[in-house]
Amino acid sequence: METISKIMLGTAQFGLDYGINNTSSKPDREAVNEMLVKAYDCGVRSLDTAEVYGNAHEVIGEFHKQYPSRVFNVITKLPLNIDGSIDAKIEKYLSELNVPQLEGLLFHSYQTYKESIGSMELIDTYKRSGKVKYLGVSVYTNEQAEDVMEDNYIDIIQLPFNLFDNSNLRGEVIKKAKNKGKIIHTRSTFLQGLFFTSLQNKNKISLPLADELNYIHKLSKLLDISLAKISLNYCLQEPHIDNVLIGVDNLDQLNQNLESAGYSLPGEVIDKINAIYIKNIELLNASLWHP
C-alpha cells in the first residue's frame, strides 16, 4: 500500500487522445469512473491534471460528485499562456474539480513561472486560506530545476524521470532539491509509451534511440520481467521521489501497474539502467515530438 500511495495517476488520457502508443480514443466516462474507483480503492490518492487536458477537469469533478467518499488529492496546472487572472482560475478549478482544496497548483512551464513571478504573493494568499496546499513548477531541464528550487514560494518540482532520463541525468538535482525541502514529482515514467514500441518501429523518435531501446528490451527478456514493471519500479524505488506520475488508457493497464508496484528491482539491475546515457537529451522531451 505504501508503494502504491506513491503513484500519482495522470489524467491527460481522460480528456485527450494522448501518448505515442495510444491507438484508441480517450475512454468514456464509465471507463474512467471504473479506473478511478479501482485506483482509489487500491490506495492511489493523487491525480495530476491540467486546464489544457481537454475536459479532464470536468470528468474528475463529475466523478467526485458521483463518488463523494472517493475524493482525490488533485494537482492541476496553469496553462502555458495564462488568459485571465490567476485568482479567477483557482476558483474555477476548485469548482470544476469539485474539491475544497487544490493539493497542488503548478505552472505548466518554466517560462510561465518566470512570467508570473509577480503573482506569487497573490497565490500565497490562497495557500494561507487553505484553497491551495502547494505551489509548484513543471520543468524539463536540470538548469530550470536549479533555479526553481531557490524560490521559497515553490513547494513542488515536477520533472521527467525514467529509464532513459535516469539517475545518471537527474539524480544530483533531485537530491539537491530534496535537501532544500522541495516535494519531488516525476513524470514520463514510460516516456509516453515509447519503451513499449516495437523494435521494428522506425519513427523519428524511436530510430535515434534504437540502441537504447534494444538494450532495455534485452534486459527485460533476460530478467523475465516486463518493461512496464521495470520502468515503474525503477522510479518508485528512488527514495528522493515523493510521487511518480503514470498514465493509463484502460482498466487492464491500471491493474497491471497496480500489480507491478512494489516489485524490488535488484541493485545490479538499477546499476545497468543508470549506465544508460542519452547524449541528445532533447530526444527525451516529449513536448518536442509533435510539430
C-alpha atoms as a PDB file:
ATOM      1  CA  MET A   1       0.000   0.000   0.000  1.00  0.00           C
ATOM      2  CA  GLU A   2       2.807   2.434   0.836  1.00  0.00           C
ATOM      3  CA  THR A   3       4.363   1.957  -2.620  1.00  0.00           C
ATOM      4  CA  ILE A   4       1.019   2.331  -4.390  1.00  0.00           C
ATOM      5  CA  SER A   5       0.301   5.548  -2.480  1.00  0.00           C
ATOM      6  CA  LYS A   6       3.418   6.965  -4.148  1.00  0.00           C
ATOM      7  CA  ILE A   7       1.707   6.587  -7.524  1.00  0.00           C
ATOM      8  CA  MET A   8       0.014   9.650  -8.978  1.00  0.00           C
ATOM      9  CA  LEU A   9      -2.485   8.932 -11.727  1.00  0.00           C
ATOM     10  CA  GLY A  10      -2.282  11.169 -14.774  1.00  0.00           C
ATOM     11  CA  THR A  11      -5.486  12.310 -16.435  1.00  0.00           C
ATOM     12  CA  ALA A  12      -4.376  13.648 -19.819  1.00  0.00           C
ATOM     13  CA  GLN A  13      -5.789  10.447 -21.328  1.00  0.00           C
ATOM     14  CA  PHE A  14      -9.185  11.217 -19.798  1.00  0.00           C
ATOM     15  CA  GLY A  15      -9.548  14.451 -21.743  1.00  0.00           C
ATOM     16  CA  LEU A  16      -7.327  13.996 -24.807  1.00  0.00           C
ATOM     17  CA  ASP A  17      -6.010  11.363 -27.210  1.00  0.00           C
ATOM     18  CA  TYR A  18      -2.574  11.201 -25.621  1.00  0.00           C
ATOM     19  CA  GLY A  19       0.644   9.199 -25.940  1.00  0.00           C
ATOM     20  CA  ILE A  20       2.857   7.978 -28.749  1.00  0.00           C
ATOM     21  CA  ASN A  21       1.459   4.442 -28.438  1.00  0.00           C
ATOM     22  CA  ASN A  22      -2.181   5.361 -27.900  1.00  0.00           C
ATOM     23  CA  THR A  23      -4.091   3.877 -30.836  1.00  0.00           C
ATOM     24  CA  SER A  24      -7.503   4.221 -29.232  1.00  0.00           C
ATOM     25  CA  SER A  25      -9.554   7.292 -28.416  1.00  0.00           C
ATOM     26  CA  LYS A  26      -9.967   8.631 -24.903  1.00  0.00           C
ATOM     27  CA  PRO A  27     -12.026   6.370 -22.594  1.00  0.00           C
ATOM     28  CA  ASP A  28     -15.697   7.112 -21.960  1.00  0.00           C
ATOM     29  CA  ARG A  29     -16.970   8.332 -18.581  1.00  0.00           C
ATOM     30  CA  GLU A  30     -17.953   4.869 -17.387  1.00  0.00           C
ATOM     31  CA  ALA A  31     -14.475   3.527 -18.142  1.00  0.00           C
ATOM     32  CA  VAL A  32     -12.829   6.499 -16.412  1.00  0.00           C
ATOM     33  CA  ASN A  33     -15.014   6.064 -13.330  1.00  0.00           C
ATOM     34  CA  GLU A  34     -14.146   2.390 -13.209  1.00  0.00           C
ATOM     35  CA  MET A  35     -10.434   3.217 -13.315  1.00  0.00           C
ATOM     36  CA  LEU A  36     -10.717   5.907 -10.649  1.00  0.00           C
ATOM     37  CA  VAL A  37     -12.696   3.659  -8.294  1.00  0.00           C
ATOM     38  CA  LYS A  38     -10.118   0.904  -8.726  1.00  0.00           C
ATOM     39  CA  ALA A  39      -7.191   3.277  -8.205  1.00  0.00           C
ATOM     40  CA  TYR A  40      -8.683   4.851  -5.084  1.00  0.00           C
ATOM     41  CA  ASP A  41      -9.686   1.541  -3.540  1.00  0.00           C
ATOM     42  CA  CYS A  42      -6.156   0.210  -4.078  1.00  0.00           C
ATOM     43  CA  GLY A  43      -4.523   3.162  -2.315  1.00  0.00           C
ATOM     44  CA  VAL A  44      -3.857   5.752  -5.031  1.00  0.00           C
ATOM     45  CA  ARG A  45      -4.840   9.147  -3.655  1.00  0.00           C
ATOM     46  CA  SER A  46      -3.357  11.686  -6.089  1.00  0.00           C
ATOM     47  CA  LEU A  47      -4.398  12.833  -9.558  1.00  0.00           C
ATOM     48  CA  ASP A  48      -2.397  15.027 -11.913  1.00  0.00           C
ATOM     49  CA  THR A  49      -4.387  17.122 -14.370  1.00  0.00           C
ATOM     50  CA  ALA A  50      -4.323  20.465 -16.199  1.00  0.00           C
ATOM     51  CA  GLU A  51      -6.583  23.049 -17.753  1.00  0.00           C
ATOM     52  CA  VAL A  52      -5.247  22.100 -21.193  1.00  0.00           C
ATOM     53  CA  TYR A  53      -6.155  18.397 -20.849  1.00  0.00           C
ATOM     54  CA  GLY A  54      -9.426  18.771 -22.721  1.00  0.00           C
ATOM     55  CA  ASN A  55     -12.372  18.131 -20.402  1.00  0.00           C
ATOM     56  CA  ALA A  56     -10.341  16.262 -17.765  1.00  0.00           C
ATOM     57  CA  HIS A  57     -11.324  18.743 -15.010  1.00  0.00           C
ATOM     58  CA  GLU A  58     -14.986  18.145 -15.741  1.00  0.00           C
ATOM     59  CA  VAL A  59     -14.526  14.363 -15.795  1.00  0.00           C
ATOM     60  CA  ILE A  60     -12.812  14.417 -12.387  1.00  0.00           C
ATOM     61  CA  GLY A  61     -15.397  16.786 -10.940  1.00  0.00           C
ATOM     62  CA  GLU A  62     -18.274  14.583 -12.074  1.00  0.00           C
ATOM     63  CA  PHE A  63     -16.540  11.568 -10.548  1.00  0.00           C
ATOM     64  CA  HIS A  64     -16.255  13.361  -7.205  1.00  0.00           C
ATOM     65  CA  LYS A  65     -19.966  14.213  -7.304  1.00  0.00           C
ATOM     66  CA  GLN A  66     -20.874  10.629  -8.101  1.00  0.00           C
ATOM     67  CA  TYR A  67     -18.438   9.090  -5.589  1.00  0.00           C
ATOM     68  CA  PRO A  68     -18.206  11.565  -2.675  1.00  0.00           C
ATOM     69  CA  SER A  69     -16.425   9.018  -0.471  1.00  0.00           C
ATOM     70  CA  ARG A  70     -13.577   8.800  -3.008  1.00  0.00           C
ATOM     71  CA  VAL A  71     -12.279  12.348  -3.376  1.00  0.00           C
ATOM     72  CA  PHE A  72      -8.721  12.514  -4.682  1.00  0.00           C
ATOM     73  CA  ASN A  73      -5.960  14.993  -3.895  1.00  0.00           C
ATOM     74  CA  VAL A  74      -5.782  16.873  -7.193  1.00  0.00           C
ATOM     75  CA  ILE A  75      -2.740  18.634  -8.619  1.00  0.00           C
ATOM     76  CA  THR A  76      -3.575  20.805 -11.616  1.00  0.00           C
ATOM     77  CA  LYS A  77      -1.577  23.128 -13.819  1.00  0.00           C
ATOM     78  CA  LEU A  78      -1.994  26.644 -15.111  1.00  0.00           C
ATOM     79  CA  PRO A  79      -1.727  26.850 -18.932  1.00  0.00           C
ATOM     80  CA  LEU A  80       1.361  27.959 -20.821  1.00  0.00           C
ATOM     81  CA  ASN A  81      -0.368  31.226 -21.679  1.00  0.00           C
ATOM     82  CA  ILE A  82      -2.441  32.382 -18.726  1.00  0.00           C
ATOM     83  CA  ASP A  83      -5.525  34.070 -20.131  1.00  0.00           C
ATOM     84  CA  GLY A  84      -7.229  35.965 -17.332  1.00  0.00           C
ATOM     85  CA  SER A  85      -6.493  36.350 -13.647  1.00  0.00           C
ATOM     86  CA  ILE A  86      -4.881  33.553 -11.666  1.00  0.00           C
ATOM     87  CA  ASP A  87      -7.276  34.000  -8.746  1.00  0.00           C
ATOM     88  CA  ALA A  88     -10.255  33.533 -11.084  1.00  0.00           C
ATOM     89  CA  LYS A  89      -8.663  30.390 -12.466  1.00  0.00           C
ATOM     90  CA  ILE A  90      -8.134  28.947  -8.978  1.00  0.00           C
ATOM     91  CA  GLU A  91     -11.793  29.450  -8.121  1.00  0.00           C
ATOM     92  CA  LYS A  92     -12.790  27.939 -11.469  1.00  0.00           C
ATOM     93  CA  TYR A  93     -10.565  24.886 -10.929  1.00  0.00           C
ATOM     94  CA  LEU A  94     -11.976  24.276  -7.443  1.00  0.00           C
ATOM     95  CA  SER A  95     -15.488  24.385  -8.860  1.00  0.00           C
ATOM     96  CA  GLU A  96     -14.756  22.201 -11.891  1.00  0.00           C
ATOM     97  CA  LEU A  97     -12.891  19.566  -9.878  1.00  0.00           C
ATOM     98  CA  ASN A  98     -15.442  19.657  -7.061  1.00  0.00           C
ATOM     99  CA  VAL A  99     -12.782  19.814  -4.352  1.00  0.00           C
ATOM    100  CA  PRO A 100     -12.419  22.176  -1.371  1.00  0.00           C
ATOM    101  CA  GLN A 101      -8.662  22.472  -1.886  1.00  0.00           C
ATOM    102  CA  LEU A 102      -6.141  22.047  -4.696  1.00  0.00           C
ATOM    103  CA  GLU A 103      -3.430  19.723  -3.449  1.00  0.00           C
ATOM    104  CA  GLY A 104      -1.123  21.477  -5.852  1.00  0.00           C
ATOM    105  CA  LEU A 105      -1.203  24.313  -8.364  1.00  0.00           C
ATOM    106  CA  LEU A 106       1.655  24.082 -10.849  1.00  0.00           C
ATOM    107  CA  PHE A 107       2.902  26.335 -13.594  1.00  0.00           C
ATOM    108  CA  HIS A 108       2.815  24.135 -16.702  1.00  0.00           C
ATOM    109  CA  SER A 109       6.140  25.500 -17.890  1.00  0.00           C
ATOM    110  CA  TYR A 110       9.238  27.202 -16.565  1.00  0.00           C
ATOM    111  CA  GLN A 111       8.592  30.140 -18.897  1.00  0.00           C
ATOM    112  CA  THR A 112       5.092  30.665 -17.479  1.00  0.00           C
ATOM    113  CA  TYR A 113       6.535  30.520 -13.970  1.00  0.00           C
ATOM    114  CA  LYS A 114       9.112  33.207 -14.802  1.00  0.00           C
ATOM    115  CA  GLU A 115       6.424  35.404 -16.351  1.00  0.00           C
ATOM    116  CA  SER A 116       4.252  35.024 -13.233  1.00  0.00           C
ATOM    117  CA  ILE A 117       6.797  35.897 -10.545  1.00  0.00           C
ATOM    118  CA  GLY A 118       4.746  38.976  -9.723  1.00  0.00           C
ATOM    119  CA  SER A 119       1.710  36.821  -8.880  1.00  0.00           C
ATOM    120  CA  MET A 120       3.385  34.774  -6.157  1.00  0.00           C
ATOM    121  CA  GLU A 121       2.060  36.848  -3.270  1.00  0.00           C
ATOM    122  CA  LEU A 122      -1.483  36.551  -4.635  1.00  0.00           C
ATOM    123  CA  ILE A 123      -1.204  32.773  -4.914  1.00  0.00           C
ATOM    124  CA  ASP A 124       0.301  32.660  -1.452  1.00  0.00           C
ATOM    125  CA  THR A 125      -2.921  34.162  -0.085  1.00  0.00           C
ATOM    126  CA  TYR A 126      -4.756  31.134  -1.473  1.00  0.00           C
ATOM    127  CA  LYS A 127      -2.249  28.880   0.273  1.00  0.00           C
ATOM    128  CA  ARG A 128      -2.839  30.688   3.548  1.00  0.00           C
ATOM    129  CA  SER A 129      -6.614  30.398   3.084  1.00  0.00           C
ATOM    130  CA  GLY A 130      -6.305  26.654   2.550  1.00  0.00           C
ATOM    131  CA  LYS A 131      -7.649  26.654  -1.015  1.00  0.00           C
ATOM    132  CA  VAL A 132      -4.227  25.743  -2.439  1.00  0.00           C
ATOM    133  CA  LYS A 133      -1.950  23.478  -0.448  1.00  0.00           C
ATOM    134  CA  TYR A 134       1.225  23.559  -2.536  1.00  0.00           C
ATOM    135  CA  LEU A 135       2.603  25.650  -5.396  1.00  0.00           C
ATOM    136  CA  GLY A 136       4.913  24.145  -7.982  1.00  0.00           C
ATOM    137  CA  VAL A 137       6.532  24.239 -11.397  1.00  0.00           C
ATOM    138  CA  SER A 138       6.803  21.650 -14.142  1.00  0.00           C
ATOM    139  CA  VAL A 139      10.338  21.792 -15.558  1.00  0.00           C
ATOM    140  CA  TYR A 140      12.278  19.988 -18.266  1.00  0.00           C
ATOM    141  CA  THR A 141      15.931  20.757 -17.604  1.00  0.00           C
ATOM    142  CA  ASN A 142      18.201  20.498 -14.599  1.00  0.00           C
ATOM    143  CA  GLU A 143      19.041  24.178 -15.022  1.00  0.00           C
ATOM    144  CA  GLN A 144      15.372  25.092 -14.666  1.00  0.00           C
ATOM    145  CA  ALA A 145      15.069  22.883 -11.582  1.00  0.00           C
ATOM    146  CA  GLU A 146      18.163  24.527 -10.055  1.00  0.00           C
ATOM    147  CA  ASP A 147      16.593  27.965 -10.485  1.00  0.00           C
ATOM    148  CA  VAL A 148      13.145  26.991  -9.220  1.00  0.00           C
ATOM    149  CA  MET A 149      14.431  25.279  -6.076  1.00  0.00           C
ATOM    150  CA  GLU A 150      15.791  28.626  -4.853  1.00  0.00           C
ATOM    151  CA  ASP A 151      12.270  30.106  -4.737  1.00  0.00           C
ATOM    152  CA  ASN A 152      10.737  29.859  -1.276  1.00  0.00           C
ATOM    153  CA  TYR A 153       7.233  30.191  -2.718  1.00  0.00           C
ATOM    154  CA  ILE A 154       7.694  26.929  -4.642  1.00  0.00           C
ATOM    155  CA  ASP A 155       6.935  23.649  -2.871  1.00  0.00           C
ATOM    156  CA  ILE A 156       6.740  21.124  -5.738  1.00  0.00           C
ATOM    157  CA  ILE A 157       9.137  20.482  -8.592  1.00  0.00           C
ATOM    158  CA  GLN A 158       7.845  18.153 -11.298  1.00  0.00           C
ATOM    159  CA  LEU A 159      10.413  16.835 -13.764  1.00  0.00           C
ATOM    160  CA  PRO A 160      10.988  13.858 -16.082  1.00  0.00           C
ATOM    161  CA  PHE A 161      12.471  10.666 -14.670  1.00  0.00           C
ATOM    162  CA  ASN A 162      12.594   7.230 -16.309  1.00  0.00           C
ATOM    163  CA  LEU A 163      14.888   4.524 -17.662  1.00  0.00           C
ATOM    164  CA  PHE A 164      16.483   6.971 -20.114  1.00  0.00           C
ATOM    165  CA  ASP A 165      16.007  10.205 -18.160  1.00  0.00           C
ATOM    166  CA  ASN A 166      17.589   8.375 -15.241  1.00  0.00           C
ATOM    167  CA  SER A 167      19.651   8.999 -12.118  1.00  0.00           C
ATOM    168  CA  ASN A 168      22.643   9.451 -14.381  1.00  0.00           C
ATOM    169  CA  LEU A 169      20.975  12.641 -15.646  1.00  0.00           C
ATOM    170  CA  ARG A 170      18.647  13.665 -12.810  1.00  0.00           C
ATOM    171  CA  GLY A 171      19.964  12.117  -9.608  1.00  0.00           C
ATOM    172  CA  GLU A 172      22.020  15.007  -8.287  1.00  0.00           C
ATOM    173  CA  VAL A 173      19.472  17.730  -8.998  1.00  0.00           C
ATOM    174  CA  ILE A 174      16.697  15.662  -7.374  1.00  0.00           C
ATOM    175  CA  LYS A 175      18.806  15.153  -4.248  1.00  0.00           C
ATOM    176  CA  LYS A 176      19.676  18.840  -4.117  1.00  0.00           C
ATOM    177  CA  ALA A 177      16.026  19.886  -4.425  1.00  0.00           C
ATOM    178  CA  LYS A 178      15.009  17.376  -1.779  1.00  0.00           C
ATOM    179  CA  ASN A 179      17.653  18.737   0.569  1.00  0.00           C
ATOM    180  CA  LYS A 180      16.075  22.164   0.129  1.00  0.00           C
ATOM    181  CA  GLY A 181      12.766  20.754   1.313  1.00  0.00           C
ATOM    182  CA  LYS A 182      11.052  20.501  -2.065  1.00  0.00           C
ATOM    183  CA  ILE A 183       8.440  17.877  -2.931  1.00  0.00           C
ATOM    184  CA  ILE A 184       9.532  15.891  -5.979  1.00  0.00           C
ATOM    185  CA  HIS A 185       7.028  14.671  -8.553  1.00  0.00           C
ATOM    186  CA  THR A 186       8.304  12.813 -11.592  1.00  0.00           C
ATOM    187  CA  ARG A 187       6.594  12.256 -14.928  1.00  0.00           C
ATOM    188  CA  SER A 188       7.312  10.438 -18.222  1.00  0.00           C
ATOM    189  CA  THR A 189       7.633   7.152 -16.338  1.00  0.00           C
ATOM    190  CA  PHE A 190       7.018   5.189 -19.553  1.00  0.00           C
ATOM    191  CA  LEU A 191       8.128   8.025 -21.844  1.00  0.00           C
ATOM    192  CA  GLN A 192       4.596   8.211 -23.285  1.00  0.00           C
ATOM    193  CA  GLY A 193       4.775   4.506 -24.098  1.00  0.00           C
ATOM    194  CA  LEU A 194       7.967   4.774 -26.157  1.00  0.00           C
ATOM    195  CA  PHE A 195       9.596   1.972 -24.170  1.00  0.00           C
ATOM    196  CA  PHE A 196       6.953  -0.452 -25.386  1.00  0.00           C
ATOM    197  CA  THR A 197       7.206   0.315 -29.097  1.00  0.00           C
ATOM    198  CA  SER A 198       8.252  -2.478 -31.420  1.00  0.00           C
ATOM    199  CA  LEU A 199      11.959  -2.542 -32.175  1.00  0.00           C
ATOM    200  CA  GLN A 200      10.909  -2.574 -35.825  1.00  0.00           C
ATOM    201  CA  ASN A 201       9.317   0.854 -35.434  1.00  0.00           C
ATOM    202  CA  LYS A 202      11.248   3.443 -37.404  1.00  0.00           C
ATOM    203  CA  ASN A 203       9.573   6.668 -36.318  1.00  0.00           C
ATOM    204  CA  LYS A 204      11.573   9.853 -35.768  1.00  0.00           C
ATOM    205  CA  ILE A 205      11.922   9.249 -32.012  1.00  0.00           C
ATOM    206  CA  SER A 206      12.495   5.508 -31.734  1.00  0.00           C
ATOM    207  CA  LEU A 207      15.010   5.360 -34.601  1.00  0.00           C
ATOM    208  CA  PRO A 208      17.734   7.515 -32.985  1.00  0.00           C
ATOM    209  CA  LEU A 209      17.132   5.702 -29.677  1.00  0.00           C
ATOM    210  CA  ALA A 210      17.198   2.237 -31.252  1.00  0.00           C
ATOM    211  CA  ASP A 211      20.322   1.057 -29.407  1.00  0.00           C
ATOM    212  CA  GLU A 212      18.972   2.085 -26.011  1.00  0.00           C
ATOM    213  CA  LEU A 213      15.513   0.646 -26.718  1.00  0.00           C
ATOM    214  CA  ASN A 214      17.123  -2.618 -27.789  1.00  0.00           C
ATOM    215  CA  TYR A 215      19.153  -2.594 -24.560  1.00  0.00           C
ATOM    216  CA  ILE A 216      16.141  -2.303 -22.258  1.00  0.00           C
ATOM    217  CA  HIS A 217      14.154  -4.865 -24.272  1.00  0.00           C
ATOM    218  CA  LYS A 218      17.038  -7.335 -23.892  1.00  0.00           C
ATOM    219  CA  LEU A 219      17.251  -6.528 -20.166  1.00  0.00           C
ATOM    220  CA  SER A 220      13.541  -7.237 -19.792  1.00  0.00           C
ATOM    221  CA  LYS A 221      13.876 -10.544 -21.611  1.00  0.00           C
ATOM    222  CA  LEU A 222      16.965 -11.555 -19.642  1.00  0.00           C
ATOM    223  CA  LEU A 223      15.284 -10.849 -16.300  1.00  0.00           C
ATOM    224  CA  ASP A 224      11.934 -12.234 -17.472  1.00  0.00           C
ATOM    225  CA  ILE A 225      10.321  -9.074 -16.099  1.00  0.00           C
ATOM    226  CA  SER A 226       8.018  -6.846 -18.143  1.00  0.00           C
ATOM    227  CA  LEU A 227       9.334  -3.478 -19.222  1.00  0.00           C
ATOM    228  CA  ALA A 228       6.346  -1.884 -17.525  1.00  0.00           C
ATOM    229  CA  LYS A 229       7.335  -3.436 -14.194  1.00  0.00           C
ATOM    230  CA  ILE A 230      10.967  -2.411 -14.608  1.00  0.00           C
ATOM    231  CA  SER A 231      10.033   1.144 -15.661  1.00  0.00           C
ATOM    232  CA  LEU A 232       7.579   1.736 -12.836  1.00  0.00           C
ATOM    233  CA  ASN A 233       9.620   0.274 -10.012  1.00  0.00           C
ATOM    234  CA  TYR A 234      12.818   1.978 -11.121  1.00  0.00           C
ATOM    235  CA  CYS A 235      11.035   5.265 -10.365  1.00  0.00           C
ATOM    236  CA  LEU A 236       9.196   4.073  -7.253  1.00  0.00           C
ATOM    237  CA  GLN A 237      12.444   2.821  -5.708  1.00  0.00           C
ATOM    238  CA  GLU A 238      14.165   6.202  -5.983  1.00  0.00           C
ATOM    239  CA  PRO A 239      13.997   7.366  -2.336  1.00  0.00           C
ATOM    240  CA  HIS A 240      14.107  11.098  -3.113  1.00  0.00           C
ATOM    241  CA  ILE A 241      10.988  10.980  -5.297  1.00  0.00           C
ATOM    242  CA  ASP A 242       7.695  11.629  -3.495  1.00  0.00           C
ATOM    243  CA  ASN A 243       5.205  10.843  -6.258  1.00  0.00           C
ATOM    244  CA  VAL A 244       5.536   9.002  -9.563  1.00  0.00           C
ATOM    245  CA  LEU A 245       3.125  10.065 -12.280  1.00  0.00           C
ATOM    246  CA  ILE A 246       1.750   7.377 -14.601  1.00  0.00           C
ATOM    247  CA  GLY A 247      -0.912   7.443 -17.274  1.00  0.00           C
ATOM    248  CA  VAL A 248      -3.180   4.581 -18.265  1.00  0.00           C
ATOM    249  CA  ASP A 249      -5.591   4.184 -21.178  1.00  0.00           C
ATOM    250  CA  ASN A 250      -7.792   1.454 -19.730  1.00  0.00           C
ATOM    251  CA  LEU A 251      -8.546  -0.656 -16.666  1.00  0.00           C
ATOM    252  CA  ASP A 252      -6.283  -3.505 -17.762  1.00  0.00           C
ATOM    253  CA  GLN A 253      -3.273  -1.187 -17.897  1.00  0.00           C
ATOM    254  CA  LEU A 254      -4.136   0.207 -14.485  1.00  0.00           C
ATOM    255  CA  ASN A 255      -4.461  -3.258 -12.983  1.00  0.00           C
ATOM    256  CA  GLN A 256      -1.120  -4.302 -14.457  1.00  0.00           C
ATOM    257  CA  ASN A 257       0.593  -1.255 -12.971  1.00  0.00           C
ATOM    258  CA  LEU A 258      -1.001  -1.717  -9.562  1.00  0.00           C
ATOM    259  CA  GLU A 259       0.028  -5.364  -9.544  1.00  0.00           C
ATOM    260  CA  SER A 260       3.563  -4.431 -10.641  1.00  0.00           C
ATOM    261  CA  ALA A 261       4.073  -1.779  -7.972  1.00  0.00           C
ATOM    262  CA  GLY A 262       6.243  -2.860  -5.101  1.00  0.00           C
ATOM    263  CA  TYR A 263       8.486  -5.266  -7.010  1.00  0.00           C
ATOM    264  CA  SER A 264      12.029  -4.777  -5.754  1.00  0.00           C
ATOM    265  CA  LEU A 265      14.495  -4.336  -8.595  1.00  0.00           C
ATOM    266  CA  PRO A 266      17.900  -5.822  -7.715  1.00  0.00           C
ATOM    267  CA  GLY A 267      20.692  -3.301  -7.246  1.00  0.00           C
ATOM    268  CA  GLU A 268      22.623  -4.647 -10.219  1.00  0.00           C
ATOM    269  CA  VAL A 269      19.637  -4.004 -12.473  1.00  0.00           C
ATOM    270  CA  ILE A 270      19.403  -0.410 -11.252  1.00  0.00           C
ATOM    271  CA  ASP A 271      23.123  -0.058 -11.972  1.00  0.00           C
ATOM    272  CA  LYS A 272      22.538  -1.301 -15.536  1.00  0.00           C
ATOM    273  CA  ILE A 273      19.773   1.260 -16.011  1.00  0.00           C
ATOM    274  CA  ASN A 274      21.890   4.047 -14.582  1.00  0.00           C
ATOM    275  CA  ALA A 275      24.612   3.132 -17.076  1.00  0.00           C
ATOM    276  CA  ILE A 276      22.305   4.232 -19.912  1.00  0.00           C
ATOM    277  CA  TYR A 277      23.380   7.654 -21.132  1.00  0.00           C
ATOM    278  CA  ILE A 278      21.418   9.530 -23.782  1.00  0.00           C
ATOM    279  CA  LYS A 279      23.662  12.100 -25.448  1.00  0.00           C
ATOM    280  CA  ASN A 280      20.907  14.028 -27.201  1.00  0.00           C
ATOM    281  CA  ILE A 281      18.581  14.671 -24.276  1.00  0.00           C
ATOM    282  CA  GLU A 282      16.178  16.667 -26.465  1.00  0.00           C
ATOM    283  CA  LEU A 283      15.009  13.282 -27.777  1.00  0.00           C
ATOM    284  CA  LEU A 284      13.551  12.680 -24.311  1.00  0.00           C
ATOM    285  CA  ASN A 285      11.470  15.850 -24.309  1.00  0.00           C
ATOM    286  CA  ALA A 286       8.050  14.611 -25.388  1.00  0.00           C
ATOM    287  CA  SER A 287       6.808  18.179 -25.849  1.00  0.00           C
ATOM    288  CA  LEU A 288       9.103  18.399 -28.903  1.00  0.00           C
ATOM    289  CA  TRP A 289       7.869  15.196 -30.521  1.00  0.00           C
ATOM    290  CA  HIS A 290       4.923  16.764 -32.282  1.00  0.00           C
ATOM    291  CA  PRO A 291       5.168  19.639 -34.755  1.00  0.00           C
END
